[in-house]
PDB file of N, CA and C in Angstrom:
ATOM      1  N   MET A   1     -64.757 -39.192  10.407  1.00  0.00           N
ATOM      2  CA  MET A   1     -63.485 -39.111   9.739  1.00  0.00           C
ATOM      3  C   MET A   1     -63.590 -39.751   8.356  1.00  0.00           C
ATOM      4  N   SER A   2     -62.823 -39.297   7.415  1.00  0.00           N
ATOM      5  CA  SER A   2     -62.854 -39.766   6.036  1.00  0.00           C
ATOM      6  C   SER A   2     -62.205 -41.138   5.889  1.00  0.00           C
ATOM      7  N   ASP A   3     -62.709 -41.914   4.923  1.00  0.00           N
ATOM      8  CA  ASP A   3     -62.121 -43.217   4.618  1.00  0.00           C
ATOM      9  C   ASP A   3     -60.899 -43.100   3.709  1.00  0.00           C
ATOM     10  N   LYS A   4     -60.612 -41.900   3.236  1.00  0.00           N
ATOM     11  CA  LYS A   4     -59.475 -41.706   2.338  1.00  0.00           C
ATOM     12  C   LYS A   4     -58.164 -41.852   3.104  1.00  0.00           C
ATOM     13  N   PRO A   5     -57.160 -42.479   2.490  1.00  0.00           N
ATOM     14  CA  PRO A   5     -55.865 -42.605   3.177  1.00  0.00           C
ATOM     15  C   PRO A   5     -55.213 -41.237   3.340  1.00  0.00           C
ATOM     16  N   MET A   6     -54.521 -41.051   4.441  1.00  0.00           N
ATOM     17  CA  MET A   6     -53.862 -39.789   4.735  1.00  0.00           C
ATOM     18  C   MET A   6     -52.356 -40.020   4.748  1.00  0.00           C
ATOM     19  N   MET A   7     -51.636 -39.203   4.013  1.00  0.00           N
ATOM     20  CA  MET A   7     -50.178 -39.275   3.988  1.00  0.00           C
ATOM     21  C   MET A   7     -49.642 -37.857   4.078  1.00  0.00           C
ATOM     22  N   THR A   8     -48.613 -37.656   4.873  1.00  0.00           N
ATOM     23  CA  THR A   8     -47.972 -36.349   4.965  1.00  0.00           C
ATOM     24  C   THR A   8     -46.466 -36.511   4.868  1.00  0.00           C
ATOM     25  N   ARG A   9     -45.818 -35.437   4.460  1.00  0.00           N
ATOM     26  CA  ARG A   9     -44.356 -35.438   4.366  1.00  0.00           C
ATOM     27  C   ARG A   9     -43.867 -34.019   4.576  1.00  0.00           C
ATOM     28  N   LEU A  10     -42.854 -33.864   5.399  1.00  0.00           N
ATOM     29  CA  LEU A  10     -42.196 -32.572   5.576  1.00  0.00           C
ATOM     30  C   LEU A  10     -40.961 -32.563   4.686  1.00  0.00           C
ATOM     31  N   THR A  11     -40.773 -31.470   3.971  1.00  0.00           N
ATOM     32  CA  THR A  11     -39.656 -31.404   3.034  1.00  0.00           C
ATOM     33  C   THR A  11     -39.193 -29.962   2.912  1.00  0.00           C
ATOM     34  N   ASP A  12     -38.013 -29.775   2.356  1.00  0.00           N
ATOM     35  CA  ASP A  12     -37.559 -28.430   2.032  1.00  0.00           C
ATOM     36  C   ASP A  12     -37.518 -28.298   0.506  1.00  0.00           C
ATOM     37  N   SER A  13     -37.235 -27.123   0.036  1.00  0.00           N
ATOM     38  CA  SER A  13     -37.279 -26.874  -1.404  1.00  0.00           C
ATOM     39  C   SER A  13     -36.194 -27.613  -2.174  1.00  0.00           C
ATOM     40  N   HIS A  14     -35.200 -28.159  -1.482  1.00  0.00           N
ATOM     41  CA  HIS A  14     -34.111 -28.870  -2.159  1.00  0.00           C
ATOM     42  C   HIS A  14     -34.404 -30.352  -2.341  1.00  0.00           C
ATOM     43  N   ASP A  15     -35.470 -30.833  -1.709  1.00  0.00           N
ATOM     44  CA  ASP A  15     -35.810 -32.252  -1.784  1.00  0.00           C
ATOM     45  C   ASP A  15     -36.608 -32.512  -3.057  1.00  0.00           C
ATOM     46  N   GLN A  16     -36.018 -33.178  -4.016  1.00  0.00           N
ATOM     47  CA  GLN A  16     -36.679 -33.449  -5.286  1.00  0.00           C
ATOM     48  C   GLN A  16     -37.057 -34.921  -5.443  1.00  0.00           C
ATOM     49  N   ASP A  17     -37.068 -35.682  -4.357  1.00  0.00           N
ATOM     50  CA  ASP A  17     -37.387 -37.094  -4.388  1.00  0.00           C
ATOM     51  C   ASP A  17     -38.868 -37.284  -4.730  1.00  0.00           C
ATOM     52  N   ARG A  18     -39.161 -38.143  -5.698  1.00  0.00           N
ATOM     53  CA  ARG A  18     -40.539 -38.348  -6.125  1.00  0.00           C
ATOM     54  C   ARG A  18     -41.146 -39.619  -5.549  1.00  0.00           C
ATOM     55  N   GLU A  19     -40.402 -40.348  -4.747  1.00  0.00           N
ATOM     56  CA  GLU A  19     -40.905 -41.605  -4.210  1.00  0.00           C
ATOM     57  C   GLU A  19     -42.205 -41.419  -3.420  1.00  0.00           C
ATOM     58  N   PHE A  20     -42.292 -40.352  -2.648  1.00  0.00           N
ATOM     59  CA  PHE A  20     -43.511 -40.090  -1.879  1.00  0.00           C
ATOM     60  C   PHE A  20     -44.696 -39.914  -2.823  1.00  0.00           C
ATOM     61  N   ASP A  21     -44.530 -39.119  -3.871  1.00  0.00           N
ATOM     62  CA  ASP A  21     -45.612 -38.876  -4.826  1.00  0.00           C
ATOM     63  C   ASP A  21     -46.050 -40.167  -5.497  1.00  0.00           C
ATOM     64  N   ILE A  22     -45.084 -40.965  -5.905  1.00  0.00           N
ATOM     65  CA  ILE A  22     -45.399 -42.224  -6.579  1.00  0.00           C
ATOM     66  C   ILE A  22     -46.169 -43.149  -5.641  1.00  0.00           C
ATOM     67  N   GLU A  23     -45.693 -43.289  -4.414  1.00  0.00           N
ATOM     68  CA  GLU A  23     -46.379 -44.153  -3.448  1.00  0.00           C
ATOM     69  C   GLU A  23     -47.790 -43.644  -3.160  1.00  0.00           C
ATOM     70  N   PHE A  24     -47.936 -42.324  -3.004  1.00  0.00           N
ATOM     71  CA  PHE A  24     -49.250 -41.740  -2.737  1.00  0.00           C
ATOM     72  C   PHE A  24     -50.239 -42.103  -3.834  1.00  0.00           C
ATOM     73  N   TRP A  25     -49.857 -41.875  -5.092  1.00  0.00           N
ATOM     74  CA  TRP A  25     -50.795 -42.117  -6.189  1.00  0.00           C
ATOM     75  C   TRP A  25     -51.036 -43.604  -6.419  1.00  0.00           C
ATOM     76  N   GLN A  26     -50.048 -44.441  -6.156  1.00  0.00           N
ATOM     77  CA  GLN A  26     -50.277 -45.877  -6.270  1.00  0.00           C
ATOM     78  C   GLN A  26     -51.299 -46.346  -5.236  1.00  0.00           C
ATOM     79  N   ARG A  27     -51.278 -45.775  -4.052  1.00  0.00           N
ATOM     80  CA  ARG A  27     -52.255 -46.126  -3.013  1.00  0.00           C
ATOM     81  C   ARG A  27     -53.662 -45.660  -3.378  1.00  0.00           C
ATOM     82  N   GLN A  28     -53.767 -44.605  -4.170  1.00  0.00           N
ATOM     83  CA  GLN A  28     -55.085 -44.058  -4.517  1.00  0.00           C
ATOM     84  C   GLN A  28     -55.857 -44.973  -5.457  1.00  0.00           C
ATOM     85  N   GLY A  29     -55.159 -45.616  -6.374  1.00  0.00           N
ATOM     86  CA  GLY A  29     -55.836 -46.502  -7.321  1.00  0.00           C
ATOM     87  C   GLY A  29     -56.180 -45.806  -8.630  1.00  0.00           C
ATOM     88  N   ASP A  30     -56.516 -46.614  -9.612  1.00  0.00           N
ATOM     89  CA  ASP A  30     -56.765 -46.123 -10.970  1.00  0.00           C
ATOM     90  C   ASP A  30     -57.942 -45.151 -11.051  1.00  0.00           C
ATOM     91  N   THR A  31     -59.013 -45.448 -10.349  1.00  0.00           N
ATOM     92  CA  THR A  31     -60.197 -44.588 -10.417  1.00  0.00           C
ATOM     93  C   THR A  31     -59.896 -43.195  -9.883  1.00  0.00           C
ATOM     94  N   ALA A  32     -59.195 -43.124  -8.761  1.00  0.00           N
ATOM     95  CA  ALA A  32     -58.855 -41.823  -8.174  1.00  0.00           C
ATOM     96  C   ALA A  32     -57.874 -41.060  -9.061  1.00  0.00           C
ATOM     97  N   ILE A  33     -56.949 -41.765  -9.686  1.00  0.00           N
ATOM     98  CA  ILE A  33     -55.989 -41.118 -10.584  1.00  0.00           C
ATOM     99  C   ILE A  33     -56.715 -40.522 -11.784  1.00  0.00           C
ATOM    100  N   ALA A  34     -57.626 -41.296 -12.369  1.00  0.00           N
ATOM    101  CA  ALA A  34     -58.398 -40.804 -13.516  1.00  0.00           C
ATOM    102  C   ALA A  34     -59.265 -39.612 -13.125  1.00  0.00           C
ATOM    103  N   ALA A  35     -59.884 -39.669 -11.944  1.00  0.00           N
ATOM    104  CA  ALA A  35     -60.724 -38.557 -11.481  1.00  0.00           C
ATOM    105  C   ALA A  35     -59.899 -37.291 -11.263  1.00  0.00           C
ATOM    106  N   ALA A  36     -58.703 -37.448 -10.694  1.00  0.00           N
ATOM    107  CA  ALA A  36     -57.831 -36.289 -10.472  1.00  0.00           C
ATOM    108  C   ALA A  36     -57.358 -35.695 -11.798  1.00  0.00           C
ATOM    109  N   ALA A  37     -57.038 -36.549 -12.749  1.00  0.00           N
ATOM    110  CA  ALA A  37     -56.608 -36.069 -14.070  1.00  0.00           C
ATOM    111  C   ALA A  37     -57.740 -35.309 -14.752  1.00  0.00           C
ATOM    112  N   TRP A  38     -58.963 -35.858 -14.680  1.00  0.00           N
ATOM    113  CA  TRP A  38     -60.107 -35.184 -15.308  1.00  0.00           C
ATOM    114  C   TRP A  38     -60.384 -33.847 -14.612  1.00  0.00           C
ATOM    115  N   GLU A  39     -60.243 -33.811 -13.291  1.00  0.00           N
ATOM    116  CA  GLU A  39     -60.438 -32.561 -12.556  1.00  0.00           C
ATOM    117  C   GLU A  39     -59.457 -31.494 -13.041  1.00  0.00           C
ATOM    118  N   MET A  40     -58.211 -31.877 -13.293  1.00  0.00           N
ATOM    119  CA  MET A  40     -57.228 -30.916 -13.806  1.00  0.00           C
ATOM    120  C   MET A  40     -57.609 -30.431 -15.202  1.00  0.00           C
ATOM    121  N   VAL A  41     -58.135 -31.318 -16.027  1.00  0.00           N
ATOM    122  CA  VAL A  41     -58.576 -30.925 -17.370  1.00  0.00           C
ATOM    123  C   VAL A  41     -59.706 -29.905 -17.263  1.00  0.00           C
ATOM    124  N   VAL A  42     -60.674 -30.178 -16.386  1.00  0.00           N
ATOM    125  CA  VAL A  42     -61.818 -29.269 -16.209  1.00  0.00           C
ATOM    126  C   VAL A  42     -61.354 -27.913 -15.686  1.00  0.00           C
ATOM    127  N   LEU A  43     -60.452 -27.896 -14.697  1.00  0.00           N
ATOM    128  CA  LEU A  43     -59.940 -26.632 -14.158  1.00  0.00           C
ATOM    129  C   LEU A  43     -59.184 -25.837 -15.219  1.00  0.00           C
ATOM    130  N   HIS A  44     -58.382 -26.519 -16.017  1.00  0.00           N
ATOM    131  CA  HIS A  44     -57.632 -25.850 -17.082  1.00  0.00           C
ATOM    132  C   HIS A  44     -58.592 -25.251 -18.114  1.00  0.00           C
ATOM    133  N   ALA A  45     -59.595 -26.027 -18.485  1.00  0.00           N
ATOM    134  CA  ALA A  45     -60.573 -25.538 -19.457  1.00  0.00           C
ATOM    135  C   ALA A  45     -61.317 -24.326 -18.907  1.00  0.00           C
ATOM    136  N   ALA A  46     -61.685 -24.376 -17.639  1.00  0.00           N
ATOM    137  CA  ALA A  46     -62.402 -23.255 -17.029  1.00  0.00           C
ATOM    138  C   ALA A  46     -61.567 -21.981 -17.058  1.00  0.00           C
ATOM    139  N   GLN A  47     -60.254 -22.113 -16.852  1.00  0.00           N
ATOM    140  CA  GLN A  47     -59.375 -20.947 -16.912  1.00  0.00           C
ATOM    141  C   GLN A  47     -59.327 -20.361 -18.317  1.00  0.00           C
ATOM    142  N   ARG A  48     -59.586 -21.177 -19.305  1.00  0.00           N
ATOM    143  CA  ARG A  48     -59.585 -20.710 -20.694  1.00  0.00           C
ATOM    144  C   ARG A  48     -60.980 -20.368 -21.211  1.00  0.00           C
ATOM    145  N   GLY A  49     -61.971 -20.403 -20.306  1.00  0.00           N
ATOM    146  CA  GLY A  49     -63.329 -20.030 -20.689  1.00  0.00           C
ATOM    147  C   GLY A  49     -64.087 -21.125 -21.418  1.00  0.00           C
ATOM    148  N   ILE A  50     -63.658 -22.367 -21.291  1.00  0.00           N
ATOM    149  CA  ILE A  50     -64.312 -23.502 -21.941  1.00  0.00           C
ATOM    150  C   ILE A  50     -65.152 -24.214 -20.894  1.00  0.00           C
ATOM    151  N   SER A  51     -66.429 -24.458 -21.208  1.00  0.00           N
ATOM    152  CA  SER A  51     -67.298 -25.124 -20.240  1.00  0.00           C
ATOM    153  C   SER A  51     -67.050 -26.631 -20.252  1.00  0.00           C
ATOM    154  N   GLU A  52     -67.354 -27.260 -19.124  1.00  0.00           N
ATOM    155  CA  GLU A  52     -67.095 -28.696 -18.961  1.00  0.00           C
ATOM    156  C   GLU A  52     -67.874 -29.534 -19.972  1.00  0.00           C
ATOM    157  N   ASP A  53     -69.068 -29.088 -20.361  1.00  0.00           N
ATOM    158  CA  ASP A  53     -69.861 -29.890 -21.292  1.00  0.00           C
ATOM    159  C   ASP A  53     -69.293 -29.885 -22.714  1.00  0.00           C
ATOM    160  N   GLN A  54     -68.321 -29.032 -22.991  1.00  0.00           N
ATOM    161  CA  GLN A  54     -67.659 -29.025 -24.295  1.00  0.00           C
ATOM    162  C   GLN A  54     -66.481 -29.998 -24.344  1.00  0.00           C
ATOM    163  N   LEU A  55     -66.070 -30.508 -23.194  1.00  0.00           N
ATOM    164  CA  LEU A  55     -64.901 -31.377 -23.140  1.00  0.00           C
ATOM    165  C   LEU A  55     -65.278 -32.807 -23.504  1.00  0.00           C
ATOM    166  N   ARG A  56     -64.395 -33.474 -24.200  1.00  0.00           N
ATOM    167  CA  ARG A  56     -64.557 -34.894 -24.503  1.00  0.00           C
ATOM    168  C   ARG A  56     -63.186 -35.467 -24.798  1.00  0.00           C
ATOM    169  N   LEU A  57     -63.092 -36.770 -24.723  1.00  0.00           N
ATOM    170  CA  LEU A  57     -61.837 -37.417 -25.049  1.00  0.00           C
ATOM    171  C   LEU A  57     -61.643 -37.405 -26.559  1.00  0.00           C
ATOM    172  N   GLN A  58     -60.419 -37.172 -26.976  1.00  0.00           N
ATOM    173  CA  GLN A  58     -60.110 -37.139 -28.397  1.00  0.00           C
ATOM    174  C   GLN A  58     -59.950 -38.566 -28.903  1.00  0.00           C
ATOM    175  N   ARG A  59     -60.552 -38.833 -30.042  1.00  0.00           N
ATOM    176  CA  ARG A  59     -60.446 -40.159 -30.633  1.00  0.00           C
ATOM    177  C   ARG A  59     -59.661 -40.055 -31.931  1.00  0.00           C
ATOM    178  N   SER A  60     -58.682 -40.903 -32.082  1.00  0.00           N
ATOM    179  CA  SER A  60     -57.884 -40.938 -33.301  1.00  0.00           C
ATOM    180  C   SER A  60     -57.939 -42.346 -33.878  1.00  0.00           C
ATOM    181  N   VAL A  61     -57.958 -42.419 -35.182  1.00  0.00           N
ATOM    182  CA  VAL A  61     -57.971 -43.708 -35.858  1.00  0.00           C
ATOM    183  C   VAL A  61     -56.735 -43.768 -36.744  1.00  0.00           C
ATOM    184  N   ALA A  62     -56.041 -44.864 -36.662  1.00  0.00           N
ATOM    185  CA  ALA A  62     -54.855 -45.043 -37.491  1.00  0.00           C
ATOM    186  C   ALA A  62     -54.874 -46.443 -38.084  1.00  0.00           C
ATOM    187  N   ARG A  63     -54.322 -46.575 -39.250  1.00  0.00           N
ATOM    188  CA  ARG A  63     -54.194 -47.883 -39.880  1.00  0.00           C
ATOM    189  C   ARG A  63     -52.722 -48.226 -39.898  1.00  0.00           C
ATOM    190  N   ILE A  64     -52.398 -49.354 -39.335  1.00  0.00           N
ATOM    191  CA  ILE A  64     -51.013 -49.805 -39.309  1.00  0.00           C
ATOM    192  C   ILE A  64     -50.917 -51.025 -40.206  1.00  0.00           C
ATOM    193  N   ARG A  65     -49.960 -51.002 -41.084  1.00  0.00           N
ATOM    194  CA  ARG A  65     -49.820 -52.074 -42.056  1.00  0.00           C
ATOM    195  C   ARG A  65     -48.400 -52.573 -41.994  1.00  0.00           C
ATOM    196  N   ARG A  66     -48.248 -53.868 -41.964  1.00  0.00           N
ATOM    197  CA  ARG A  66     -46.926 -54.476 -41.904  1.00  0.00           C
ATOM    198  C   ARG A  66     -46.458 -54.794 -43.328  1.00  0.00           C
ATOM    199  N   VAL A  67     -45.249 -54.387 -43.607  1.00  0.00           N
ATOM    200  CA  VAL A  67     -44.635 -54.685 -44.903  1.00  0.00           C
ATOM    201  C   VAL A  67     -43.490 -55.648 -44.640  1.00  0.00           C
ATOM    202  N   ARG A  68     -43.456 -56.729 -45.397  1.00  0.00           N
ATOM    203  CA  ARG A  68     -42.352 -57.670 -45.222  1.00  0.00           C
ATOM    204  C   ARG A  68     -41.585 -57.798 -46.527  1.00  0.00           C
ATOM    205  N   ARG A  69     -40.322 -58.074 -46.410  1.00  0.00           N
ATOM    206  CA  ARG A  69     -39.456 -58.204 -47.580  1.00  0.00           C
ATOM    207  C   ARG A  69     -39.261 -59.669 -47.916  1.00  0.00           C
ATOM    208  N   VAL A  70     -39.450 -59.972 -49.181  1.00  0.00           N
ATOM    209  CA  VAL A  70     -39.194 -61.323 -49.676  1.00  0.00           C
ATOM    210  C   VAL A  70     -38.293 -61.187 -50.892  1.00  0.00           C
ATOM    211  N   TYR A  71     -37.079 -61.685 -50.769  1.00  0.00           N
ATOM    212  CA  TYR A  71     -36.094 -61.661 -51.859  1.00  0.00           C
ATOM    213  C   TYR A  71     -35.926 -60.253 -52.427  1.00  0.00           C
ATOM    214  N   GLY A  72     -35.872 -59.267 -51.538  1.00  0.00           N
ATOM    215  CA  GLY A  72     -35.601 -57.903 -51.952  1.00  0.00           C
ATOM    216  C   GLY A  72     -36.811 -57.124 -52.414  1.00  0.00           C
ATOM    217  N   ALA A  73     -37.985 -57.754 -52.510  1.00  0.00           N
ATOM    218  CA  ALA A  73     -39.199 -57.058 -52.949  1.00  0.00           C
ATOM    219  C   ALA A  73     -40.090 -56.794 -51.735  1.00  0.00           C
ATOM    220  N   ASP A  74     -40.781 -55.655 -51.737  1.00  0.00           N
ATOM    221  CA  ASP A  74     -41.735 -55.347 -50.659  1.00  0.00           C
ATOM    222  C   ASP A  74     -43.080 -55.971 -50.991  1.00  0.00           C
ATOM    223  N   LEU A  75     -43.618 -56.766 -50.079  1.00  0.00           N
ATOM    224  CA  LEU A  75     -44.927 -57.350 -50.255  1.00  0.00           C
ATOM    225  C   LEU A  75     -45.781 -56.970 -49.067  1.00  0.00           C
ATOM    226  N   GLU A  76     -47.008 -56.492 -49.336  1.00  0.00           N
ATOM    227  CA  GLU A  76     -47.902 -56.190 -48.238  1.00  0.00           C
ATOM    228  C   GLU A  76     -48.451 -57.499 -47.697  1.00  0.00           C
ATOM    229  N   GLN A  77     -48.406 -57.638 -46.404  1.00  0.00           N
ATOM    230  CA  GLN A  77     -48.887 -58.860 -45.769  1.00  0.00           C
ATOM    231  C   GLN A  77     -50.410 -58.930 -45.903  1.00  0.00           C
ATOM    232  N   GLY A  78     -50.904 -60.075 -46.317  1.00  0.00           N
ATOM    233  CA  GLY A  78     -52.341 -60.273 -46.446  1.00  0.00           C
ATOM    234  C   GLY A  78     -52.877 -59.967 -47.834  1.00  0.00           C
ATOM    235  N   HIS A  79     -52.022 -59.552 -48.757  1.00  0.00           N
ATOM    236  CA  HIS A  79     -52.496 -59.271 -50.122  1.00  0.00           C
ATOM    237  C   HIS A  79     -51.749 -60.144 -51.097  1.00  0.00           C
TER     238      HIS A  79
END
């Protein structure tokens, strides 16, 4: 038998409660959540004809600068 936790729920189409889903994924842990998310990315890419080796995480770089006001004038902090 598998070591994975097993959870089941019977519901009808009118039941929109998300508590079961939230509890299920919280029990899985961060690693399982990340693996499931990556699996969905790979499946989506495959449907679009993109191979898994072309996928990578997107990296963005941003510069955030704080401006403070002193007596009505804008001064860049640190300059």
